[in-house]
Amino acid sequence: MKSQATTVSLAPDTRTRILDLAESLLLERGYNAFSYQHIARELGVKPAAIHYHFPSKDDLGTAVVARQLKRLRKWRDLPRVADLPPKEQLEALFKVYDNHVRQERRVCLFGALAADFLTLPTPMQAELRTFNGELTAWLAQVLAVGKATGALRFVGSPSAKAVQVLTTLAGALQVARVHDETPYHTIVGQLRLELLV
């Protein structure tokens, strides 16, 4: 009896299932290429059930990005990431993108939303800017420490290099979607060659 209760409690609630599916559709198709009908059909619920949790698609899209921002903050602060030396922190970031390319060559959140940015609701735009800003600031700090300790090498400021690295990673995922994983691994290999001492 106790194990059944545990199993039930581990099942995601409707709100989480909606968020999970919306995120998956967003990464596969982009924000403007899915609707509540897609989610309702996939989950076997009526659209009203989605509207109950997220009154509008704007609310849903903003919640997806806000959840990703929360995940970023949690990941960044995990001891297994935060306590690593700069070189290993950079490798931890590469691993996140490697996971994207292995999941049916999915693009990252930024890559999925950047093309649609001007059509996104204002709160969603703000969340995406915050997400990208915090990721960039974290990477710039990693690069700064890495350069100061001699573990990483690059020309220019850490903030400029962080923007370049993240843009390159997002683009590498896009290229993998068009072709296969080979160019992605070539691009990441080049980043390693340029950054790692």
Protein backbone atom coordinates (compact mmCIF):
# COMPACT_ATOMS: atom_id res chain seq x y z
CA MET A 1 0.00 0.00 0.00
CA LYS A 2 2.79 2.38 0.87
CA SER A 3 4.63 1.74 -2.42
CA GLN A 4 1.47 2.56 -4.40
CA ALA A 5 1.17 5.90 -2.62
CA THR A 6 4.82 6.59 -3.36
CA THR A 7 4.33 5.76 -7.04
CA VAL A 8 1.32 8.07 -7.26
CA SER A 9 3.18 10.91 -5.56
CA LEU A 10 6.06 10.58 -8.03
CA ALA A 11 3.79 11.02 -11.06
CA PRO A 12 4.00 14.59 -12.41
CA ASP A 13 0.95 16.74 -11.80
CA THR A 14 -1.04 18.18 -14.68
CA ARG A 15 0.69 21.56 -14.50
CA THR A 16 4.13 19.93 -14.70
CA ARG A 17 3.03 17.69 -17.57
CA ILE A 18 1.77 20.73 -19.46
CA LEU A 19 5.06 22.56 -18.86
CA ASP A 20 7.11 19.52 -19.90
CA LEU A 21 5.20 19.09 -23.15
CA ALA A 22 5.17 22.82 -23.93
CA GLU A 23 8.94 22.94 -23.42
CA SER A 24 9.42 19.93 -25.68
CA LEU A 25 7.23 21.43 -28.41
CA LEU A 26 8.93 24.79 -28.07
CA LEU A 27 12.39 23.25 -28.49
CA GLU A 28 11.24 21.11 -31.43
CA ARG A 29 9.07 23.58 -33.31
CA GLY A 30 9.50 27.06 -31.85
CA TYR A 31 7.03 29.10 -29.80
CA ASN A 32 4.73 30.07 -32.67
CA ALA A 33 4.41 26.55 -34.10
CA PHE A 34 2.37 24.87 -31.37
CA SER A 35 -0.97 25.53 -29.72
CA TYR A 36 -3.04 24.46 -26.74
CA GLN A 37 -4.72 21.98 -29.10
CA HIS A 38 -1.38 20.19 -29.61
CA ILE A 39 -0.86 19.94 -25.86
CA ALA A 40 -4.44 18.90 -25.11
CA ARG A 41 -4.36 16.17 -27.74
CA GLU A 42 -1.02 14.80 -26.54
CA LEU A 43 -2.04 14.80 -22.87
CA GLY A 44 -5.57 13.53 -23.52
CA VAL A 45 -7.21 16.52 -21.82
CA LYS A 46 -9.49 19.34 -22.94
CA PRO A 47 -7.95 22.74 -23.70
CA ALA A 48 -9.89 24.10 -20.72
CA ALA A 49 -7.64 22.03 -18.44
CA ILE A 50 -4.61 23.87 -19.84
CA HIS A 51 -6.33 27.26 -19.53
CA TYR A 52 -7.01 26.45 -15.88
CA HIS A 53 -3.26 26.32 -15.17
CA PHE A 54 -2.15 28.84 -17.81
CA PRO A 55 -4.91 31.26 -18.85
CA SER A 56 -3.06 32.20 -22.04
CA LYS A 57 -0.24 30.87 -24.17
CA ASP A 58 1.74 33.94 -23.10
CA ASP A 59 1.47 32.73 -19.49
CA LEU A 60 2.57 29.24 -20.51
CA GLY A 61 5.54 30.45 -22.56
CA THR A 62 6.69 32.74 -19.76
CA ALA A 63 6.40 29.88 -17.27
CA VAL A 64 8.54 27.62 -19.49
CA VAL A 65 11.33 30.20 -19.67
CA ALA A 66 11.04 31.02 -15.96
CA ARG A 67 11.41 27.32 -15.16
CA GLN A 68 14.53 27.12 -17.33
CA LEU A 69 15.93 30.15 -15.50
CA LYS A 70 15.29 28.40 -12.18
CA ARG A 71 17.05 25.29 -13.50
CA LEU A 72 20.02 27.37 -14.65
CA ARG A 73 20.38 28.94 -11.20
CA LYS A 74 20.15 25.56 -9.50
CA TRP A 75 22.67 23.96 -11.90
CA ARG A 76 25.10 26.87 -11.61
CA ASP A 77 25.04 26.71 -7.80
CA LEU A 78 25.35 22.93 -7.47
CA PRO A 79 28.61 22.02 -5.68
CA ARG A 80 29.42 19.60 -8.52
CA VAL A 81 29.52 22.65 -10.82
CA ALA A 82 30.27 25.63 -8.56
CA ASP A 83 33.21 23.96 -6.82
CA LEU A 84 34.94 22.86 -10.01
CA PRO A 85 37.98 24.63 -11.43
CA PRO A 86 37.25 26.81 -14.50
CA LYS A 87 38.27 24.21 -17.08
CA GLU A 88 35.87 21.64 -15.62
CA GLN A 89 33.11 24.25 -15.30
CA LEU A 90 33.49 24.95 -19.01
CA GLU A 91 33.32 21.22 -19.71
CA ALA A 92 30.16 21.02 -17.57
CA LEU A 93 28.60 23.67 -19.82
CA PHE A 94 29.64 21.76 -22.93
CA LYS A 95 28.01 18.67 -21.46
CA VAL A 96 24.67 20.51 -21.21
CA TYR A 97 24.83 21.30 -24.93
CA ASP A 98 26.01 17.76 -25.69
CA ASN A 99 22.82 16.52 -24.00
CA HIS A 100 20.75 18.73 -26.30
CA VAL A 101 22.38 17.37 -29.43
CA ARG A 102 21.87 13.80 -28.22
CA GLN A 103 18.14 14.43 -27.64
CA GLU A 104 17.13 14.23 -31.28
CA ARG A 105 19.34 17.21 -32.05
CA ARG A 106 17.27 19.65 -30.04
CA VAL A 107 18.25 23.28 -30.01
CA CYS A 108 18.74 25.17 -26.75
CA LEU A 109 16.13 27.47 -25.26
CA PHE A 110 17.85 30.60 -26.54
CA GLY A 111 18.26 29.16 -30.02
CA ALA A 112 14.63 28.09 -30.12
CA LEU A 113 13.29 31.49 -29.08
CA ALA A 114 15.73 33.97 -30.61
CA ALA A 115 14.21 33.70 -34.10
CA ASP A 116 10.72 34.34 -32.68
CA PHE A 117 11.87 36.98 -30.19
CA LEU A 118 10.04 39.97 -31.68
CA THR A 119 6.73 38.06 -31.64
CA LEU A 120 7.10 36.80 -28.06
CA PRO A 121 5.02 38.37 -25.29
CA THR A 122 6.88 41.06 -23.33
CA PRO A 123 7.13 39.03 -20.07
CA MET A 124 8.58 36.10 -21.99
CA GLN A 125 11.11 38.38 -23.69
CA ALA A 126 12.13 39.70 -20.26
CA GLU A 127 12.58 36.17 -18.86
CA LEU A 128 14.65 35.14 -21.88
CA ARG A 129 16.87 38.21 -21.53
CA THR A 130 17.37 37.43 -17.84
CA PHE A 131 18.16 33.80 -18.62
CA ASN A 132 20.69 34.72 -21.30
CA GLY A 133 22.17 37.51 -19.18
CA GLU A 134 22.71 35.26 -16.17
CA LEU A 135 24.21 32.45 -18.23
CA THR A 136 26.53 34.92 -19.97
CA ALA A 137 27.58 36.52 -16.67
CA TRP A 138 28.29 33.09 -15.16
CA LEU A 139 30.40 32.02 -18.13
CA ALA A 140 32.25 35.36 -18.17
CA GLN A 141 33.20 34.79 -14.53
CA VAL A 142 34.39 31.25 -15.29
CA LEU A 143 36.45 32.56 -18.19
CA ALA A 144 37.90 35.41 -16.11
CA VAL A 145 39.06 33.06 -13.36
CA GLY A 146 40.34 30.58 -15.92
CA LYS A 147 42.36 33.25 -17.70
CA ALA A 148 43.75 34.66 -14.43
CA THR A 149 44.87 31.22 -13.25
CA GLY A 150 46.25 30.18 -16.63
CA ALA A 151 43.76 27.34 -17.05
CA LEU A 152 42.03 28.99 -20.04
CA ARG A 153 43.32 31.16 -22.83
CA PHE A 154 41.62 33.65 -25.11
CA VAL A 155 42.05 37.15 -26.47
CA GLY A 156 39.72 39.93 -25.39
CA SER A 157 37.46 40.42 -22.41
CA PRO A 158 35.80 37.52 -20.59
CA SER A 159 32.34 39.01 -21.22
CA ALA A 160 32.92 39.29 -24.97
CA LYS A 161 34.32 35.76 -25.10
CA ALA A 162 31.34 34.44 -23.10
CA VAL A 163 28.93 35.93 -25.64
CA GLN A 164 30.95 34.41 -28.49
CA VAL A 165 31.08 30.95 -26.88
CA LEU A 166 27.35 30.85 -26.11
CA THR A 167 26.43 32.11 -29.57
CA THR A 168 28.71 29.49 -31.11
CA LEU A 169 27.15 26.71 -29.02
CA ALA A 170 23.61 27.78 -29.93
CA GLY A 171 24.60 27.92 -33.60
CA ALA A 172 26.29 24.53 -33.40
CA LEU A 173 23.01 23.00 -32.25
CA GLN A 174 21.21 24.64 -35.18
CA VAL A 175 23.77 23.21 -37.61
CA ALA A 176 23.36 19.75 -36.08
CA ARG A 177 19.62 19.96 -36.68
CA VAL A 178 20.20 20.63 -40.37
CA HIS A 179 22.91 18.00 -40.85
CA ASP A 180 23.87 15.58 -38.11
CA GLU A 181 25.98 15.63 -34.94
CA THR A 182 29.30 15.71 -36.82
CA PRO A 183 29.55 19.50 -37.37
CA TYR A 184 28.40 20.12 -33.80
CA HIS A 185 31.28 18.05 -32.42
CA THR A 186 33.70 19.75 -34.82
CA ILE A 187 32.60 23.19 -33.59
CA VAL A 188 32.82 22.25 -29.90
CA GLY A 189 36.20 20.64 -30.57
CA GLN A 190 37.39 23.93 -32.03
CA LEU A 191 36.18 25.80 -28.93
CA ARG A 192 38.15 23.41 -26.75
CA LEU A 193 41.21 23.86 -28.94
CA GLU A 194 40.99 27.63 -28.66
CA LEU A 195 40.14 27.88 -24.94
CA LEU A 196 41.81 25.04 -23.10
CA VAL A 197 45.45 25.29 -22.18
